[in-house]
PDB file of N, CA and C in Angstrom:
ATOM      1  N   MET A   1     -59.948  57.777  48.436  1.00  0.00           N
ATOM      2  CA  MET A   1     -59.744  58.816  47.450  1.00  0.00           C
ATOM      3  C   MET A   1     -60.127  60.160  48.073  1.00  0.00           C
ATOM      4  N   ASN A   2     -59.421  61.176  47.694  1.00  0.00           N
ATOM      5  CA  ASN A   2     -59.662  62.519  48.220  1.00  0.00           C
ATOM      6  C   ASN A   2     -60.783  63.178  47.407  1.00  0.00           C
ATOM      7  N   THR A   3     -62.009  62.987  47.841  1.00  0.00           N
ATOM      8  CA  THR A   3     -63.165  63.512  47.103  1.00  0.00           C
ATOM      9  C   THR A   3     -63.249  65.034  47.173  1.00  0.00           C
ATOM     10  N   LYS A   4     -62.724  65.608  48.245  1.00  0.00           N
ATOM     11  CA  LYS A   4     -62.726  67.069  48.354  1.00  0.00           C
ATOM     12  C   LYS A   4     -61.854  67.674  47.263  1.00  0.00           C
ATOM     13  N   LEU A   5     -60.671  67.123  47.095  1.00  0.00           N
ATOM     14  CA  LEU A   5     -59.768  67.593  46.046  1.00  0.00           C
ATOM     15  C   LEU A   5     -60.386  67.369  44.677  1.00  0.00           C
ATOM     16  N   LEU A   6     -60.966  66.180  44.469  1.00  0.00           N
ATOM     17  CA  LEU A   6     -61.595  65.878  43.192  1.00  0.00           C
ATOM     18  C   LEU A   6     -62.706  66.886  42.887  1.00  0.00           C
ATOM     19  N   SER A   7     -63.510  67.210  43.877  1.00  0.00           N
ATOM     20  CA  SER A   7     -64.582  68.198  43.696  1.00  0.00           C
ATOM     21  C   SER A   7     -64.014  69.567  43.332  1.00  0.00           C
ATOM     22  N   GLU A   8     -62.915  69.963  43.996  1.00  0.00           N
ATOM     23  CA  GLU A   8     -62.281  71.245  43.694  1.00  0.00           C
ATOM     24  C   GLU A   8     -61.753  71.268  42.259  1.00  0.00           C
ATOM     25  N   LEU A   9     -61.172  70.157  41.849  1.00  0.00           N
ATOM     26  CA  LEU A   9     -60.652  70.076  40.487  1.00  0.00           C
ATOM     27  C   LEU A   9     -61.774  70.159  39.460  1.00  0.00           C
ATOM     28  N   VAL A  10     -62.873  69.485  39.738  1.00  0.00           N
ATOM     29  CA  VAL A  10     -64.021  69.512  38.832  1.00  0.00           C
ATOM     30  C   VAL A  10     -64.585  70.928  38.757  1.00  0.00           C
ATOM     31  N   GLU A  11     -64.722  71.573  39.901  1.00  0.00           N
ATOM     32  CA  GLU A  11     -65.286  72.929  39.931  1.00  0.00           C
ATOM     33  C   GLU A  11     -64.372  73.943  39.242  1.00  0.00           C
ATOM     34  N   SER A  12     -63.063  73.755  39.353  1.00  0.00           N
ATOM     35  CA  SER A  12     -62.131  74.719  38.751  1.00  0.00           C
ATOM     36  C   SER A  12     -61.848  74.412  37.280  1.00  0.00           C
ATOM     37  N   SER A  13     -62.373  73.305  36.796  1.00  0.00           N
ATOM     38  CA  SER A  13     -62.160  72.921  35.405  1.00  0.00           C
ATOM     39  C   SER A  13     -62.907  73.861  34.470  1.00  0.00           C
ATOM     40  N   LYS A  14     -62.398  73.981  33.257  1.00  0.00           N
ATOM     41  CA  LYS A  14     -63.066  74.802  32.249  1.00  0.00           C
ATOM     42  C   LYS A  14     -64.312  74.103  31.701  1.00  0.00           C
ATOM     43  N   MET A  15     -64.441  72.813  32.009  1.00  0.00           N
ATOM     44  CA  MET A  15     -65.590  72.042  31.544  1.00  0.00           C
ATOM     45  C   MET A  15     -66.611  71.919  32.665  1.00  0.00           C
ATOM     46  N   ASN A  16     -67.866  71.733  32.276  1.00  0.00           N
ATOM     47  CA  ASN A  16     -68.880  71.478  33.297  1.00  0.00           C
ATOM     48  C   ASN A  16     -68.907  69.978  33.599  1.00  0.00           C
ATOM     49  N   LYS A  17     -69.691  69.575  34.578  1.00  0.00           N
ATOM     50  CA  LYS A  17     -69.704  68.173  35.016  1.00  0.00           C
ATOM     51  C   LYS A  17     -70.151  67.231  33.913  1.00  0.00           C
ATOM     52  N   LEU A  18     -71.107  67.651  33.106  1.00  0.00           N
ATOM     53  CA  LEU A  18     -71.575  66.808  32.006  1.00  0.00           C
ATOM     54  C   LEU A  18     -70.458  66.587  30.992  1.00  0.00           C
ATOM     55  N   GLN A  19     -69.728  67.631  30.652  1.00  0.00           N
ATOM     56  CA  GLN A  19     -68.616  67.507  29.711  1.00  0.00           C
ATOM     57  C   GLN A  19     -67.507  66.622  30.277  1.00  0.00           C
ATOM     58  N   ILE A  20     -67.235  66.771  31.562  1.00  0.00           N
ATOM     59  CA  ILE A  20     -66.211  65.926  32.202  1.00  0.00           C
ATOM     60  C   ILE A  20     -66.631  64.467  32.153  1.00  0.00           C
ATOM     61  N   ALA A  21     -67.875  64.186  32.484  1.00  0.00           N
ATOM     62  CA  ALA A  21     -68.375  62.808  32.457  1.00  0.00           C
ATOM     63  C   ALA A  21     -68.263  62.227  31.049  1.00  0.00           C
ATOM     64  N   GLU A  22     -68.671  62.996  30.047  1.00  0.00           N
ATOM     65  CA  GLU A  22     -68.581  62.530  28.660  1.00  0.00           C
ATOM     66  C   GLU A  22     -67.133  62.287  28.256  1.00  0.00           C
ATOM     67  N   ALA A  23     -66.228  63.195  28.624  1.00  0.00           N
ATOM     68  CA  ALA A  23     -64.810  63.044  28.279  1.00  0.00           C
ATOM     69  C   ALA A  23     -64.201  61.817  28.944  1.00  0.00           C
ATOM     70  N   CYS A  24     -64.734  61.450  30.117  1.00  0.00           N
ATOM     71  CA  CYS A  24     -64.233  60.279  30.844  1.00  0.00           C
ATOM     72  C   CYS A  24     -64.886  58.979  30.363  1.00  0.00           C
ATOM     73  N   GLY A  25     -65.969  59.113  29.621  1.00  0.00           N
ATOM     74  CA  GLY A  25     -66.683  57.919  29.171  1.00  0.00           C
ATOM     75  C   GLY A  25     -67.552  57.316  30.267  1.00  0.00           C
ATOM     76  N   ILE A  26     -68.021  58.159  31.187  1.00  0.00           N
ATOM     77  CA  ILE A  26     -68.894  57.695  32.276  1.00  0.00           C
ATOM     78  C   ILE A  26     -70.191  58.503  32.241  1.00  0.00           C
ATOM     79  N   THR A  27     -71.171  58.040  32.968  1.00  0.00           N
ATOM     80  CA  THR A  27     -72.429  58.776  33.038  1.00  0.00           C
ATOM     81  C   THR A  27     -72.316  59.901  34.058  1.00  0.00           C
ATOM     82  N   PRO A  28     -73.137  60.934  33.919  1.00  0.00           N
ATOM     83  CA  PRO A  28     -73.143  61.992  34.932  1.00  0.00           C
ATOM     84  C   PRO A  28     -73.475  61.452  36.327  1.00  0.00           C
ATOM     85  N   THR A  29     -74.299  60.417  36.389  1.00  0.00           N
ATOM     86  CA  THR A  29     -74.637  59.798  37.678  1.00  0.00           C
ATOM     87  C   THR A  29     -73.405  59.177  38.325  1.00  0.00           C
ATOM     88  N   THR A  30     -72.596  58.516  37.513  1.00  0.00           N
ATOM     89  CA  THR A  30     -71.363  57.915  38.042  1.00  0.00           C
ATOM     90  C   THR A  30     -70.453  59.005  38.585  1.00  0.00           C
ATOM     91  N   LEU A  31     -70.326  60.098  37.844  1.00  0.00           N
ATOM     92  CA  LEU A  31     -69.494  61.208  38.320  1.00  0.00           C
ATOM     93  C   LEU A  31     -70.037  61.754  39.633  1.00  0.00           C
ATOM     94  N   TYR A  32     -71.338  61.942  39.725  1.00  0.00           N
ATOM     95  CA  TYR A  32     -71.963  62.433  40.955  1.00  0.00           C
ATOM     96  C   TYR A  32     -71.671  61.485  42.121  1.00  0.00           C
ATOM     97  N   ASN A  33     -71.790  60.180  41.867  1.00  0.00           N
ATOM     98  CA  ASN A  33     -71.533  59.185  42.920  1.00  0.00           C
ATOM     99  C   ASN A  33     -70.075  59.230  43.386  1.00  0.00           C
ATOM    100  N   VAL A  34     -69.157  59.354  42.442  1.00  0.00           N
ATOM    101  CA  VAL A  34     -67.733  59.411  42.801  1.00  0.00           C
ATOM    102  C   VAL A  34     -67.466  60.674  43.628  1.00  0.00           C
ATOM    103  N   LEU A  35     -68.039  61.796  43.206  1.00  0.00           N
ATOM    104  CA  LEU A  35     -67.851  63.045  43.945  1.00  0.00           C
ATOM    105  C   LEU A  35     -68.478  62.990  45.331  1.00  0.00           C
ATOM    106  N   SER A  36     -69.470  62.126  45.503  1.00  0.00           N
ATOM    107  CA  SER A  36     -70.134  61.959  46.803  1.00  0.00           C
ATOM    108  C   SER A  36     -69.406  60.967  47.705  1.00  0.00           C
ATOM    109  N   GLY A  37     -68.362  60.339  47.186  1.00  0.00           N
ATOM    110  CA  GLY A  37     -67.573  59.436  48.016  1.00  0.00           C
ATOM    111  C   GLY A  37     -67.785  57.964  47.740  1.00  0.00           C
ATOM    112  N   SER A  38     -68.590  57.620  46.739  1.00  0.00           N
ATOM    113  CA  SER A  38     -68.788  56.203  46.404  1.00  0.00           C
ATOM    114  C   SER A  38     -67.512  55.631  45.811  1.00  0.00           C
ATOM    115  N   ASP A  39     -67.365  54.337  45.926  1.00  0.00           N
ATOM    116  CA  ASP A  39     -66.221  53.659  45.323  1.00  0.00           C
ATOM    117  C   ASP A  39     -66.285  53.803  43.808  1.00  0.00           C
ATOM    118  N   ALA A  40     -65.120  53.864  43.195  1.00  0.00           N
ATOM    119  CA  ALA A  40     -65.054  54.014  41.741  1.00  0.00           C
ATOM    120  C   ALA A  40     -64.105  52.989  41.167  1.00  0.00           C
ATOM    121  N   LYS A  41     -64.350  52.607  39.938  1.00  0.00           N
ATOM    122  CA  LYS A  41     -63.451  51.697  39.233  1.00  0.00           C
ATOM    123  C   LYS A  41     -62.120  52.426  38.982  1.00  0.00           C
ATOM    124  N   ILE A  42     -61.086  51.643  38.884  1.00  0.00           N
ATOM    125  CA  ILE A  42     -59.765  52.212  38.601  1.00  0.00           C
ATOM    126  C   ILE A  42     -59.788  52.942  37.263  1.00  0.00           C
ATOM    127  N   SER A  43     -60.471  52.367  36.280  1.00  0.00           N
ATOM    128  CA  SER A  43     -60.529  53.006  34.959  1.00  0.00           C
ATOM    129  C   SER A  43     -61.221  54.365  35.036  1.00  0.00           C
ATOM    130  N   THR A  44     -62.225  54.484  35.907  1.00  0.00           N
ATOM    131  CA  THR A  44     -62.921  55.762  36.085  1.00  0.00           C
ATOM    132  C   THR A  44     -61.992  56.794  36.712  1.00  0.00           C
ATOM    133  N   ILE A  45     -61.251  56.373  37.723  1.00  0.00           N
ATOM    134  CA  ILE A  45     -60.313  57.282  38.400  1.00  0.00           C
ATOM    135  C   ILE A  45     -59.212  57.721  37.438  1.00  0.00           C
ATOM    136  N   GLU A  46     -58.692  56.775  36.656  1.00  0.00           N
ATOM    137  CA  GLU A  46     -57.652  57.111  35.677  1.00  0.00           C
ATOM    138  C   GLU A  46     -58.189  58.096  34.642  1.00  0.00           C
ATOM    139  N   ALA A  47     -59.418  57.876  34.176  1.00  0.00           N
ATOM    140  CA  ALA A  47     -60.018  58.770  33.186  1.00  0.00           C
ATOM    141  C   ALA A  47     -60.222  60.172  33.767  1.00  0.00           C
ATOM    142  N   LEU A  48     -60.697  60.238  35.010  1.00  0.00           N
ATOM    143  CA  LEU A  48     -60.883  61.539  35.664  1.00  0.00           C
ATOM    144  C   LEU A  48     -59.551  62.282  35.788  1.00  0.00           C
ATOM    145  N   ALA A  49     -58.526  61.573  36.218  1.00  0.00           N
ATOM    146  CA  ALA A  49     -57.209  62.204  36.370  1.00  0.00           C
ATOM    147  C   ALA A  49     -56.706  62.723  35.025  1.00  0.00           C
ATOM    148  N   LYS A  50     -56.892  61.944  33.976  1.00  0.00           N
ATOM    149  CA  LYS A  50     -56.439  62.358  32.655  1.00  0.00           C
ATOM    150  C   LYS A  50     -57.198  63.595  32.169  1.00  0.00           C
ATOM    151  N   VAL A  51     -58.519  63.574  32.300  1.00  0.00           N
ATOM    152  CA  VAL A  51     -59.341  64.702  31.855  1.00  0.00           C
ATOM    153  C   VAL A  51     -59.053  65.956  32.674  1.00  0.00           C
ATOM    154  N   LEU A  52     -58.808  65.788  33.963  1.00  0.00           N
ATOM    155  CA  LEU A  52     -58.528  66.932  34.835  1.00  0.00           C
ATOM    156  C   LEU A  52     -57.049  67.333  34.822  1.00  0.00           C
ATOM    157  N   ASN A  53     -56.256  66.562  34.061  1.00  0.00           N
ATOM    158  CA  ASN A  53     -54.837  66.866  33.855  1.00  0.00           C
ATOM    159  C   ASN A  53     -54.032  66.867  35.161  1.00  0.00           C
ATOM    160  N   VAL A  54     -54.230  65.823  35.954  1.00  0.00           N
ATOM    161  CA  VAL A  54     -53.455  65.639  37.182  1.00  0.00           C
ATOM    162  C   VAL A  54     -52.984  64.189  37.243  1.00  0.00           C
ATOM    163  N   PRO A  55     -51.891  63.915  37.920  1.00  0.00           N
ATOM    164  CA  PRO A  55     -51.477  62.527  38.118  1.00  0.00           C
ATOM    165  C   PRO A  55     -52.506  61.786  38.967  1.00  0.00           C
ATOM    166  N   VAL A  56     -52.679  60.507  38.691  1.00  0.00           N
ATOM    167  CA  VAL A  56     -53.652  59.703  39.438  1.00  0.00           C
ATOM    168  C   VAL A  56     -53.357  59.753  40.929  1.00  0.00           C
ATOM    169  N   GLY A  57     -52.100  59.712  41.298  1.00  0.00           N
ATOM    170  CA  GLY A  57     -51.717  59.735  42.704  1.00  0.00           C
ATOM    171  C   GLY A  57     -52.187  60.965  43.443  1.00  0.00           C
ATOM    172  N   THR A  58     -52.355  62.063  42.733  1.00  0.00           N
ATOM    173  CA  THR A  58     -52.831  63.301  43.350  1.00  0.00           C
ATOM    174  C   THR A  58     -54.195  63.109  43.991  1.00  0.00           C
ATOM    175  N   LEU A  59     -55.007  62.256  43.397  1.00  0.00           N
ATOM    176  CA  LEU A  59     -56.362  62.034  43.904  1.00  0.00           C
ATOM    177  C   LEU A  59     -56.380  61.183  45.169  1.00  0.00           C
ATOM    178  N   PHE A  60     -55.237  60.614  45.552  1.00  0.00           N
ATOM    179  CA  PHE A  60     -55.186  59.726  46.714  1.00  0.00           C
ATOM    180  C   PHE A  60     -54.279  60.181  47.833  1.00  0.00           C
ATOM    181  N   ASP A  61     -53.486  61.223  47.628  1.00  0.00           N
ATOM    182  CA  ASP A  61     -52.459  61.532  48.613  1.00  0.00           C
ATOM    183  C   ASP A  61     -52.927  62.414  49.763  1.00  0.00           C
ATOM    184  N   GLY A  62     -54.192  62.763  49.836  1.00  0.00           N
ATOM    185  CA  GLY A  62     -54.694  63.506  50.973  1.00  0.00           C
ATOM    186  C   GLY A  62     -54.461  64.993  50.929  1.00  0.00           C
ATOM    187  N   ILE A  63     -53.929  65.496  49.846  1.00  0.00           N
ATOM    188  CA  ILE A  63     -53.737  66.940  49.729  1.00  0.00           C
ATOM    189  C   ILE A  63     -55.094  67.579  49.467  1.00  0.00           C
ATOM    190  N   ASN A  64     -55.387  68.655  50.143  1.00  0.00           N
ATOM    191  CA  ASN A  64     -56.694  69.288  50.002  1.00  0.00           C
ATOM    192  C   ASN A  64     -56.789  70.265  48.844  1.00  0.00           C
ATOM    193  N   LYS A  65     -55.661  70.634  48.278  1.00  0.00           N
ATOM    194  CA  LYS A  65     -55.716  71.507  47.111  1.00  0.00           C
ATOM    195  C   LYS A  65     -54.504  71.237  46.246  1.00  0.00           C
ATOM    196  N   VAL A  66     -54.618  71.573  45.009  1.00  0.00           N
ATOM    197  CA  VAL A  66     -53.510  71.383  44.078  1.00  0.00           C
ATOM    198  C   VAL A  66     -52.516  72.498  44.328  1.00  0.00           C
ATOM    199  N   ASP A  67     -51.292  72.116  44.596  1.00  0.00           N
ATOM    200  CA  ASP A  67     -50.274  73.097  44.948  1.00  0.00           C
ATOM    201  C   ASP A  67     -49.376  73.376  43.749  1.00  0.00           C
ATOM    202  N   ILE A  68     -49.937  74.000  42.749  1.00  0.00           N
ATOM    203  CA  ILE A  68     -49.171  74.369  41.575  1.00  0.00           C
ATOM    204  C   ILE A  68     -49.044  75.882  41.577  1.00  0.00           C
ATOM    205  N   LYS A  69     -47.841  76.348  41.571  1.00  0.00           N
ATOM    206  CA  LYS A  69     -47.596  77.781  41.578  1.00  0.00           C
ATOM    207  C   LYS A  69     -47.260  78.203  40.154  1.00  0.00           C
ATOM    208  N   PHE A  70     -48.267  78.762  39.485  1.00  0.00           N
ATOM    209  CA  PHE A  70     -48.097  79.096  38.087  1.00  0.00           C
ATOM    210  C   PHE A  70     -47.025  80.147  37.869  1.00  0.00           C
ATOM    211  N   SER A  71     -46.826  81.032  38.815  1.00  0.00           N
ATOM    212  CA  SER A  71     -45.783  82.041  38.647  1.00  0.00           C
ATOM    213  C   SER A  71     -44.406  81.375  38.584  1.00  0.00           C
ATOM    214  N   GLU A  72     -44.199  80.326  39.366  1.00  0.00           N
ATOM    215  CA  GLU A  72     -42.928  79.609  39.324  1.00  0.00           C
ATOM    216  C   GLU A  72     -42.760  78.890  37.990  1.00  0.00           C
ATOM    217  N   ILE A  73     -43.845  78.340  37.470  1.00  0.00           N
ATOM    218  CA  ILE A  73     -43.792  77.664  36.176  1.00  0.00           C
ATOM    219  C   ILE A  73     -43.471  78.671  35.079  1.00  0.00           C
ATOM    220  N   GLU A  74     -44.122  79.839  35.122  1.00  0.00           N
ATOM    221  CA  GLU A  74     -43.855  80.875  34.136  1.00  0.00           C
ATOM    222  C   GLU A  74     -42.407  81.347  34.220  1.00  0.00           C
ATOM    223  N   GLU A  75     -41.906  81.501  35.435  1.00  0.00           N
ATOM    224  CA  GLU A  75     -40.515  81.919  35.614  1.00  0.00           C
ATOM    225  C   GLU A  75     -39.559  80.870  35.048  1.00  0.00           C
ATOM    226  N   ALA A  76     -39.850  79.615  35.296  1.00  0.00           N
ATOM    227  CA  ALA A  76     -39.018  78.534  34.760  1.00  0.00           C
ATOM    228  C   ALA A  76     -39.070  78.528  33.235  1.00  0.00           C
ATOM    229  N   ASN A  77     -40.247  78.759  32.656  1.00  0.00           N
ATOM    230  CA  ASN A  77     -40.370  78.805  31.200  1.00  0.00           C
ATOM    231  C   ASN A  77     -39.582  79.961  30.608  1.00  0.00           C
ATOM    232  N   ARG A  78     -39.577  81.115  31.290  1.00  0.00           N
ATOM    233  CA  ARG A  78     -38.774  82.256  30.820  1.00  0.00           C
ATOM    234  C   ARG A  78     -37.286  81.915  30.865  1.00  0.00           C
ATOM    235  N   GLU A  79     -36.860  81.250  31.920  1.00  0.00           N
ATOM    236  CA  GLU A  79     -35.448  80.865  32.039  1.00  0.00           C
ATOM    237  C   GLU A  79     -35.073  79.857  30.955  1.00  0.00           C
ATOM    238  N   ILE A  80     -35.959  78.927  30.668  1.00  0.00           N
ATOM    239  CA  ILE A  80     -35.715  77.949  29.603  1.00  0.00           C
ATOM    240  C   ILE A  80     -35.582  78.666  28.265  1.00  0.00           C
ATOM    241  N   ALA A  81     -36.480  79.622  27.988  1.00  0.00           N
ATOM    242  CA  ALA A  81     -36.415  80.383  26.740  1.00  0.00           C
ATOM    243  C   ALA A  81     -35.109  81.161  26.649  1.00  0.00           C
ATOM    244  N   ARG A  82     -34.680  81.758  27.768  1.00  0.00           N
ATOM    245  CA  ARG A  82     -33.427  82.517  27.776  1.00  0.00           C
ATOM    246  C   ARG A  82     -32.237  81.606  27.476  1.00  0.00           C
ATOM    247  N   LEU A  83     -32.231  80.435  28.103  1.00  0.00           N
ATOM    248  CA  LEU A  83     -31.131  79.503  27.889  1.00  0.00           C
ATOM    249  C   LEU A  83     -31.114  78.965  26.457  1.00  0.00           C
ATOM    250  N   LYS A  84     -32.294  78.713  25.892  1.00  0.00           N
ATOM    251  CA  LYS A  84     -32.368  78.268  24.497  1.00  0.00           C
ATOM    252  C   LYS A  84     -31.823  79.345  23.569  1.00  0.00           C
ATOM    253  N   SER A  85     -32.194  80.597  23.848  1.00  0.00           N
ATOM    254  CA  SER A  85     -31.713  81.709  23.042  1.00  0.00           C
ATOM    255  C   SER A  85     -30.195  81.813  23.121  1.00  0.00           C
ATOM    256  N   GLU A  86     -29.683  81.684  24.316  1.00  0.00           N
ATOM    257  CA  GLU A  86     -28.233  81.754  24.507  1.00  0.00           C
ATOM    258  C   GLU A  86     -27.535  80.596  23.802  1.00  0.00           C
ATOM    259  N   LEU A  87     -28.117  79.419  23.894  1.00  0.00           N
ATOM    260  CA  LEU A  87     -27.549  78.245  23.233  1.00  0.00           C
ATOM    261  C   LEU A  87     -27.548  78.432  21.726  1.00  0.00           C
ATOM    262  N   ASN A  88     -28.645  78.936  21.168  1.00  0.00           N
ATOM    263  CA  ASN A  88     -28.710  79.186  19.727  1.00  0.00           C
ATOM    264  C   ASN A  88     -27.653  80.201  19.298  1.00  0.00           C
ATOM    265  N   TYR A  89     -27.442  81.220  20.130  1.00  0.00           N
ATOM    266  CA  TYR A  89     -26.423  82.210  19.816  1.00  0.00           C
ATOM    267  C   TYR A  89     -25.053  81.550  19.719  1.00  0.00           C
ATOM    268  N   TYR A  90     -24.742  80.713  20.683  1.00  0.00           N
ATOM    269  CA  TYR A  90     -23.433  80.075  20.687  1.00  0.00           C
ATOM    270  C   TYR A  90     -23.296  79.036  19.591  1.00  0.00           C
ATOM    271  N   GLN A  91     -24.402  78.410  19.196  1.00  0.00           N
ATOM    272  CA  GLN A  91     -24.324  77.404  18.140  1.00  0.00           C
ATOM    273  C   GLN A  91     -24.297  78.027  16.752  1.00  0.00           C
ATOM    274  N   TYR A  92     -25.100  79.070  16.537  1.00  0.00           N
ATOM    275  CA  TYR A  92     -25.286  79.575  15.182  1.00  0.00           C
ATOM    276  C   TYR A  92     -24.861  81.022  14.981  1.00  0.00           C
ATOM    277  N   GLY A  93     -24.962  81.840  15.980  1.00  0.00           N
ATOM    278  CA  GLY A  93     -24.728  83.262  15.791  1.00  0.00           C
ATOM    279  C   GLY A  93     -23.408  83.758  16.321  1.00  0.00           C
ATOM    280  N   ARG A  94     -22.603  82.900  16.847  1.00  0.00           N
ATOM    281  CA  ARG A  94     -21.354  83.316  17.465  1.00  0.00           C
ATOM    282  C   ARG A  94     -20.364  83.790  16.405  1.00  0.00           C
ATOM    283  N   ARG A  95     -19.718  84.861  16.691  1.00  0.00           N
ATOM    284  CA  ARG A  95     -18.692  85.351  15.786  1.00  0.00           C
ATOM    285  C   ARG A  95     -17.415  84.551  15.995  1.00  0.00           C
ATOM    286  N   SER A  96     -16.679  84.378  14.911  1.00  0.00           N
ATOM    287  CA  SER A  96     -15.432  83.629  15.022  1.00  0.00           C
ATOM    288  C   SER A  96     -14.327  84.546  15.546  1.00  0.00           C
ATOM    289  N   THR A  97     -13.307  83.934  16.055  1.00  0.00           N
ATOM    290  CA  THR A  97     -12.164  84.658  16.583  1.00  0.00           C
ATOM    291  C   THR A  97     -10.940  84.271  15.775  1.00  0.00           C
ATOM    292  N   LYS A  98     -10.196  85.273  15.324  1.00  0.00           N
ATOM    293  CA  LYS A  98      -8.982  84.990  14.575  1.00  0.00           C
ATOM    294  C   LYS A  98      -7.857  84.680  15.552  1.00  0.00           C
ATOM    295  N   VAL A  99      -7.137  83.639  15.220  1.00  0.00           N
ATOM    296  CA  VAL A  99      -5.981  83.272  16.025  1.00  0.00           C
ATOM    297  C   VAL A  99      -4.793  83.132  15.072  1.00  0.00           C
ATOM    298  N   ILE A 100      -3.728  83.808  15.401  1.00  0.00           N
ATOM    299  CA  ILE A 100      -2.524  83.727  14.581  1.00  0.00           C
ATOM    300  C   ILE A 100      -1.485  82.939  15.369  1.00  0.00           C
ATOM    301  N   VAL A 101      -1.020  81.876  14.740  1.00  0.00           N
ATOM    302  CA  VAL A 101      -0.043  81.000  15.380  1.00  0.00           C
ATOM    303  C   VAL A 101       1.142  80.845  14.440  1.00  0.00           C
ATOM    304  N   GLU A 102       2.291  80.944  14.972  1.00  0.00           N
ATOM    305  CA  GLU A 102       3.492  80.741  14.171  1.00  0.00           C
ATOM    306  C   GLU A 102       4.051  79.367  14.501  1.00  0.00           C
ATOM    307  N   LEU A 103       4.168  78.528  13.460  1.00  0.00           N
ATOM    308  CA  LEU A 103       4.680  77.173  13.634  1.00  0.00           C
ATOM    309  C   LEU A 103       5.975  77.027  12.849  1.00  0.00           C
ATOM    310  N   ASP A 104       6.928  76.393  13.457  1.00  0.00           N
ATOM    311  CA  ASP A 104       8.189  76.135  12.778  1.00  0.00           C
ATOM    312  C   ASP A 104       8.252  74.642  12.485  1.00  0.00           C
ATOM    313  N   VAL A 105       7.572  74.228  11.412  1.00  0.00           N
ATOM    314  CA  VAL A 105       7.534  72.820  11.026  1.00  0.00           C
ATOM    315  C   VAL A 105       7.804  72.711   9.540  1.00  0.00           C
ATOM    316  N   ASP A 106       8.282  71.526   9.126  1.00  0.00           N
ATOM    317  CA  ASP A 106       8.477  71.345   7.684  1.00  0.00           C
ATOM    318  C   ASP A 106       7.146  70.938   7.051  1.00  0.00           C
ATOM    319  N   ASP A 107       7.100  70.879   5.730  1.00  0.00           N
ATOM    320  CA  ASP A 107       5.850  70.648   5.009  1.00  0.00           C
ATOM    321  C   ASP A 107       5.188  69.322   5.382  1.00  0.00           C
ATOM    322  N   ASP A 108       5.969  68.257   5.564  1.00  0.00           N
ATOM    323  CA  ASP A 108       5.392  66.960   5.897  1.00  0.00           C
ATOM    324  C   ASP A 108       4.727  66.980   7.277  1.00  0.00           C
ATOM    325  N   GLU A 109       5.366  67.594   8.242  1.00  0.00           N
ATOM    326  CA  GLU A 109       4.781  67.704   9.579  1.00  0.00           C
ATOM    327  C   GLU A 109       3.501  68.528   9.543  1.00  0.00           C
ATOM    328  N   PHE A 110       3.532  69.566   8.711  1.00  0.00           N
ATOM    329  CA  PHE A 110       2.379  70.448   8.575  1.00  0.00           C
ATOM    330  C   PHE A 110       1.168  69.676   8.065  1.00  0.00           C
ATOM    331  N   ILE A 111       1.377  68.842   7.080  1.00  0.00           N
ATOM    332  CA  ILE A 111       0.290  68.039   6.509  1.00  0.00           C
ATOM    333  C   ILE A 111      -0.172  66.994   7.518  1.00  0.00           C
ATOM    334  N   LYS A 112       0.747  66.354   8.224  1.00  0.00           N
ATOM    335  CA  LYS A 112       0.395  65.339   9.224  1.00  0.00           C
ATOM    336  C   LYS A 112      -0.436  65.930  10.362  1.00  0.00           C
ATOM    337  N   MET A 113      -0.217  67.181  10.663  1.00  0.00           N
ATOM    338  CA  MET A 113      -0.957  67.824  11.752  1.00  0.00           C
ATOM    339  C   MET A 113      -2.387  68.167  11.340  1.00  0.00           C
ATOM    340  N   GLY A 114      -2.734  67.972  10.079  1.00  0.00           N
ATOM    341  CA  GLY A 114      -4.093  68.232   9.623  1.00  0.00           C
ATOM    342  C   GLY A 114      -4.405  69.697   9.455  1.00  0.00           C
ATOM    343  N   LEU A 115      -3.389  70.497   9.267  1.00  0.00           N
ATOM    344  CA  LEU A 115      -3.603  71.939   9.163  1.00  0.00           C
ATOM    345  C   LEU A 115      -3.648  72.428   7.727  1.00  0.00           C
ATOM    346  N   LYS A 116      -3.348  71.562   6.773  1.00  0.00           N
ATOM    347  CA  LYS A 116      -3.240  71.996   5.381  1.00  0.00           C
ATOM    348  C   LYS A 116      -4.508  72.691   4.891  1.00  0.00           C
ATOM    349  N   ASP A 117      -5.694  72.122   5.154  1.00  0.00           N
ATOM    350  CA  ASP A 117      -6.946  72.694   4.650  1.00  0.00           C
ATOM    351  C   ASP A 117      -7.467  73.833   5.521  1.00  0.00           C
ATOM    352  N   LYS A 118      -6.911  74.025   6.695  1.00  0.00           N
ATOM    353  CA  LYS A 118      -7.434  75.026   7.614  1.00  0.00           C
ATOM    354  C   LYS A 118      -6.680  76.353   7.557  1.00  0.00           C
ATOM    355  N   VAL A 119      -5.567  76.366   6.871  1.00  0.00           N
ATOM    356  CA  VAL A 119      -4.747  77.574   6.827  1.00  0.00           C
ATOM    357  C   VAL A 119      -4.999  78.299   5.518  1.00  0.00           C
ATOM    358  N   ILE A 120      -5.275  79.554   5.606  1.00  0.00           N
ATOM    359  CA  ILE A 120      -5.562  80.372   4.421  1.00  0.00           C
ATOM    360  C   ILE A 120      -4.256  80.936   3.824  1.00  0.00           C
ATOM    361  N   GLN A 121      -3.418  81.379   4.675  1.00  0.00           N
ATOM    362  CA  GLN A 121      -2.193  82.007   4.195  1.00  0.00           C
ATOM    363  C   GLN A 121      -1.010  81.462   4.976  1.00  0.00           C
ATOM    364  N   VAL A 122      -0.004  81.014   4.250  1.00  0.00           N
ATOM    365  CA  VAL A 122       1.192  80.499   4.869  1.00  0.00           C
ATOM    366  C   VAL A 122       2.343  81.437   4.514  1.00  0.00           C
ATOM    367  N   LEU A 123       3.026  81.879   5.506  1.00  0.00           N
ATOM    368  CA  LEU A 123       4.162  82.750   5.280  1.00  0.00           C
ATOM    369  C   LEU A 123       5.432  81.934   5.448  1.00  0.00           C
ATOM    370  N   ASN A 124       6.210  81.864   4.392  1.00  0.00           N
ATOM    371  CA  ASN A 124       7.479  81.134   4.463  1.00  0.00           C
ATOM    372  C   ASN A 124       8.546  82.062   5.039  1.00  0.00           C
ATOM    373  N   LYS A 125       9.226  81.539   6.002  1.00  0.00           N
ATOM    374  CA  LYS A 125      10.282  82.317   6.647  1.00  0.00           C
ATOM    375  C   LYS A 125      11.603  81.676   6.251  1.00  0.00           C
ATOM    376  N   ASP A 126      12.399  82.398   5.499  1.00  0.00           N
ATOM    377  CA  ASP A 126      13.668  81.841   5.017  1.00  0.00           C
ATOM    378  C   ASP A 126      14.822  82.204   5.888  1.00  0.00           C
TER     379      ASP A 126
END
């Protein structure tokens, strides 16, 4: 396990070590031992990862620091908000477009085409 990374995560957490230990359901001594490099139960490691809000694998992959670029996350969130806004506009706020089509069909064909309820004004051409 990458104890250096775990220590960095604990230090950068908004909680102190006692609060982290309590949130994990372990004693402060157990947390101290894990941070010192002692073996830990899988349940302890899973609890630490959950409380520190990182994937369990992060604690084992040998990375010395968490490589999260918050500016990129914020930029992605802004883009998501923009796309949602655009989608809402097209779904709910889009203005309709009038289309005028001249059809030369008899009444039965007109009804079969399903246009009877969609046409507001029909001009008969004699």
